[in-house]
Amino acid sequence: MNQEEVLTRLKEELEMPLFNGKIEDKEYSEEEYQQLKADLVRYYDDYVRNVEN
């Protein structure tokens, strides 16, 4: 997957249509994509959700 495909897939899977993250312009394997997605979810849980509470 290229950068554009990864961003499109993240927007769909995370249900964040306005997400506009900055990621490296390279080819991503499925494993790299899953790690990137897990990191974003962890970041959201650790920083964004904690601010809301």
Protein backbone atom coordinates (compact mmCIF):
# COMPACT_ATOMS: atom_id res chain seq x y z
CA MET A 1 0.00 0.00 0.00
CA ASN A 2 1.20 3.48 -0.71
CA GLN A 3 0.75 6.55 1.49
CA GLU A 4 -2.59 7.55 -0.03
CA GLU A 5 -4.05 4.03 0.29
CA VAL A 6 -2.98 3.83 3.94
CA LEU A 7 -4.59 7.17 4.79
CA THR A 8 -7.80 6.22 3.00
CA ARG A 9 -7.98 2.89 4.80
CA LEU A 10 -7.31 4.51 8.19
CA LYS A 11 -10.10 7.03 7.61
CA GLU A 12 -12.54 4.22 6.83
CA GLU A 13 -11.51 1.73 9.52
CA LEU A 14 -11.19 4.30 12.31
CA GLU A 15 -14.36 6.09 11.16
CA MET A 16 -12.51 9.42 11.02
CA PRO A 17 -13.33 10.90 7.59
CA LEU A 18 -11.43 14.13 8.31
CA PHE A 19 -8.24 12.41 9.50
CA ASN A 20 -5.23 13.95 7.77
CA GLY A 21 -2.19 12.39 9.42
CA LYS A 22 1.34 12.85 8.19
CA ILE A 23 2.97 9.52 7.39
CA GLU A 24 6.09 8.57 5.50
CA ASP A 25 5.71 8.32 1.72
CA LYS A 26 6.66 4.68 1.17
CA GLU A 27 5.15 1.28 0.47
CA TYR A 28 3.52 -0.23 3.57
CA SER A 29 3.10 -3.93 4.23
CA GLU A 30 -0.02 -5.20 5.98
CA GLU A 31 2.02 -5.67 9.16
CA GLU A 32 3.31 -2.08 9.04
CA TYR A 33 -0.22 -0.83 8.44
CA GLN A 34 -1.59 -2.76 11.42
CA GLN A 35 1.21 -1.39 13.65
CA LEU A 36 0.54 2.18 12.48
CA LYS A 37 -3.17 1.74 13.15
CA ALA A 38 -2.51 0.28 16.63
CA ASP A 39 -0.17 3.19 17.42
CA LEU A 40 -2.82 5.74 16.42
CA VAL A 41 -5.49 4.02 18.53
CA ARG A 42 -3.09 3.86 21.50
CA TYR A 43 -2.24 7.55 21.08
CA TYR A 44 -5.93 8.44 21.02
CA ASP A 45 -6.65 6.37 24.12
CA ASP A 46 -3.65 7.72 26.05
CA TYR A 47 -3.85 11.40 25.17
CA VAL A 48 -7.15 12.41 23.63
CA ARG A 49 -9.53 10.29 25.69
CA ASN A 50 -7.74 11.21 28.94
CA VAL A 51 -8.26 14.91 28.21
CA GLU A 52 -11.97 14.30 27.73
CA ASN A 53 -12.34 12.69 31.17
